């Protein structure tokens, strides 16, 4: 039973981390496409996308903690 719980937690970790990385790449690319015609740099795009990425990362950590307690309190 404990092995199954560990497997579920690893899967959730994988999906949450992957989601944060996809959001980071998509938001940075979207911002860069908007600012590049007006001489924007990739560093400006990274700086502008950082708050959104951090917000998504914090949400992912919160979801992981909630899922962790749900899995371990259930069994």
C-alpha atoms as a PDB file:
ATOM      1  CA  UNK A   1       0.000   0.000   0.000  1.00  0.00           C
ATOM      2  CA  UNK A   2       2.808   2.437   0.857  1.00  0.00           C
ATOM      3  CA  UNK A   3       4.486   1.718  -2.469  1.00  0.00           C
ATOM      4  CA  UNK A   4       1.296   2.648  -4.301  1.00  0.00           C
ATOM      5  CA  UNK A   5       1.119   5.942  -2.395  1.00  0.00           C
ATOM      6  CA  UNK A   6       4.726   6.743  -3.290  1.00  0.00           C
ATOM      7  CA  UNK A   7       3.979   5.981  -6.926  1.00  0.00           C
ATOM      8  CA  UNK A   8       1.009   8.365  -6.885  1.00  0.00           C
ATOM      9  CA  UNK A   9       3.041  11.119  -5.243  1.00  0.00           C
ATOM     10  CA  UNK A  10       5.836  10.754  -7.798  1.00  0.00           C
ATOM     11  CA  UNK A  11       3.304  10.957 -10.611  1.00  0.00           C
ATOM     12  CA  UNK A  12       1.720  14.096  -9.162  1.00  0.00           C
ATOM     13  CA  UNK A  13       5.176  15.619  -8.711  1.00  0.00           C
ATOM     14  CA  UNK A  14       6.027  14.891 -12.329  1.00  0.00           C
ATOM     15  CA  UNK A  15       2.812  16.433 -13.651  1.00  0.00           C
ATOM     16  CA  UNK A  16       3.010  19.532 -11.482  1.00  0.00           C
ATOM     17  CA  UNK A  17       6.662  20.185 -12.346  1.00  0.00           C
ATOM     18  CA  UNK A  18       5.953  19.619 -16.042  1.00  0.00           C
ATOM     19  CA  UNK A  19       3.011  22.003 -15.894  1.00  0.00           C
ATOM     20  CA  UNK A  20       5.125  24.736 -14.335  1.00  0.00           C
ATOM     21  CA  UNK A  21       7.816  24.294 -17.005  1.00  0.00           C
ATOM     22  CA  UNK A  22       5.248  24.403 -19.822  1.00  0.00           C
ATOM     23  CA  UNK A  23       3.676  27.566 -18.399  1.00  0.00           C
ATOM     24  CA  UNK A  24       7.132  29.141 -18.033  1.00  0.00           C
ATOM     25  CA  UNK A  25       8.069  28.380 -21.651  1.00  0.00           C
ATOM     26  CA  UNK A  26       4.704  29.419 -23.074  1.00  0.00           C
ATOM     27  CA  UNK A  27       4.433  32.698 -21.160  1.00  0.00           C
ATOM     28  CA  UNK A  28       8.029  33.674 -21.883  1.00  0.00           C
ATOM     29  CA  UNK A  29       7.598  32.931 -25.588  1.00  0.00           C
ATOM     30  CA  UNK A  30       4.304  34.805 -25.766  1.00  0.00           C
ATOM     31  CA  UNK A  31       5.748  37.878 -24.073  1.00  0.00           C
ATOM     32  CA  UNK A  32       8.871  37.769 -26.237  1.00  0.00           C
ATOM     33  CA  UNK A  33       6.791  37.605 -29.408  1.00  0.00           C
ATOM     34  CA  UNK A  34       4.995  40.764 -28.289  1.00  0.00           C
ATOM     35  CA  UNK A  35       8.054  42.763 -27.241  1.00  0.00           C
ATOM     36  CA  UNK A  36      10.584  41.657 -29.881  1.00  0.00           C
ATOM     37  CA  UNK A  37       9.217  43.947 -32.646  1.00  0.00           C
ATOM     38  CA  UNK A  38       9.906  46.948 -30.401  1.00  0.00           C
ATOM     39  CA  UNK A  39      13.519  45.920 -29.680  1.00  0.00           C
ATOM     40  CA  UNK A  40      12.701  43.857 -26.606  1.00  0.00           C
ATOM     41  CA  UNK A  41      15.229  41.310 -25.436  1.00  0.00           C
ATOM     42  CA  UNK A  42      14.771  37.796 -24.114  1.00  0.00           C
ATOM     43  CA  UNK A  43      15.923  39.033 -20.706  1.00  0.00           C
ATOM     44  CA  UNK A  44      13.050  41.507 -20.602  1.00  0.00           C
ATOM     45  CA  UNK A  45      10.657  38.715 -21.528  1.00  0.00           C
ATOM     46  CA  UNK A  46      12.083  36.515 -18.762  1.00  0.00           C
ATOM     47  CA  UNK A  47      11.709  39.329 -16.255  1.00  0.00           C
ATOM     48  CA  UNK A  48       8.134  39.955 -17.301  1.00  0.00           C
ATOM     49  CA  UNK A  49       7.171  36.275 -17.182  1.00  0.00           C
ATOM     50  CA  UNK A  50       8.770  35.617 -13.796  1.00  0.00           C
ATOM     51  CA  UNK A  51       5.820  36.787 -11.639  1.00  0.00           C
ATOM     52  CA  UNK A  52       3.361  34.611 -13.555  1.00  0.00           C
ATOM     53  CA  UNK A  53       5.678  31.604 -13.385  1.00  0.00           C
ATOM     54  CA  UNK A  54       6.247  32.084  -9.655  1.00  0.00           C
ATOM     55  CA  UNK A  55       2.500  32.298  -9.075  1.00  0.00           C
ATOM     56  CA  UNK A  56       1.976  29.025 -10.952  1.00  0.00           C
ATOM     57  CA  UNK A  57       4.860  27.404  -9.042  1.00  0.00           C
ATOM     58  CA  UNK A  58       3.357  28.434  -5.696  1.00  0.00           C
ATOM     59  CA  UNK A  59      -0.014  27.055  -6.792  1.00  0.00           C
ATOM     60  CA  UNK A  60       1.690  23.775  -7.779  1.00  0.00           C
ATOM     61  CA  UNK A  61       3.353  23.505  -4.362  1.00  0.00           C
ATOM     62  CA  UNK A  62       0.028  24.139  -2.638  1.00  0.00           C
ATOM     63  CA  UNK A  63      -1.666  21.477  -4.776  1.00  0.00           C
ATOM     64  CA  UNK A  64       1.127  19.023  -3.966  1.00  0.00           C
ATOM     65  CA  UNK A  65       0.812  19.636  -0.226  1.00  0.00           C
ATOM     66  CA  UNK A  66      -2.963  19.227  -0.354  1.00  0.00           C
ATOM     67  CA  UNK A  67      -2.646  16.019  -2.387  1.00  0.00           C
ATOM     68  CA  UNK A  68       0.062  14.707  -0.039  1.00  0.00           C
ATOM     69  CA  UNK A  69      -2.152  15.148   2.998  1.00  0.00           C
ATOM     70  CA  UNK A  70      -5.177  13.689   1.212  1.00  0.00           C
ATOM     71  CA  UNK A  71      -3.230  10.581   0.200  1.00  0.00           C
ATOM     72  CA  UNK A  72      -1.618   9.981   3.578  1.00  0.00           C
ATOM     73  CA  UNK A  73      -4.677  10.838   5.669  1.00  0.00           C
ATOM     74  CA  UNK A  74      -6.875   8.567   3.559  1.00  0.00           C
ATOM     75  CA  UNK A  75      -4.978   5.370   4.230  1.00  0.00           C
END
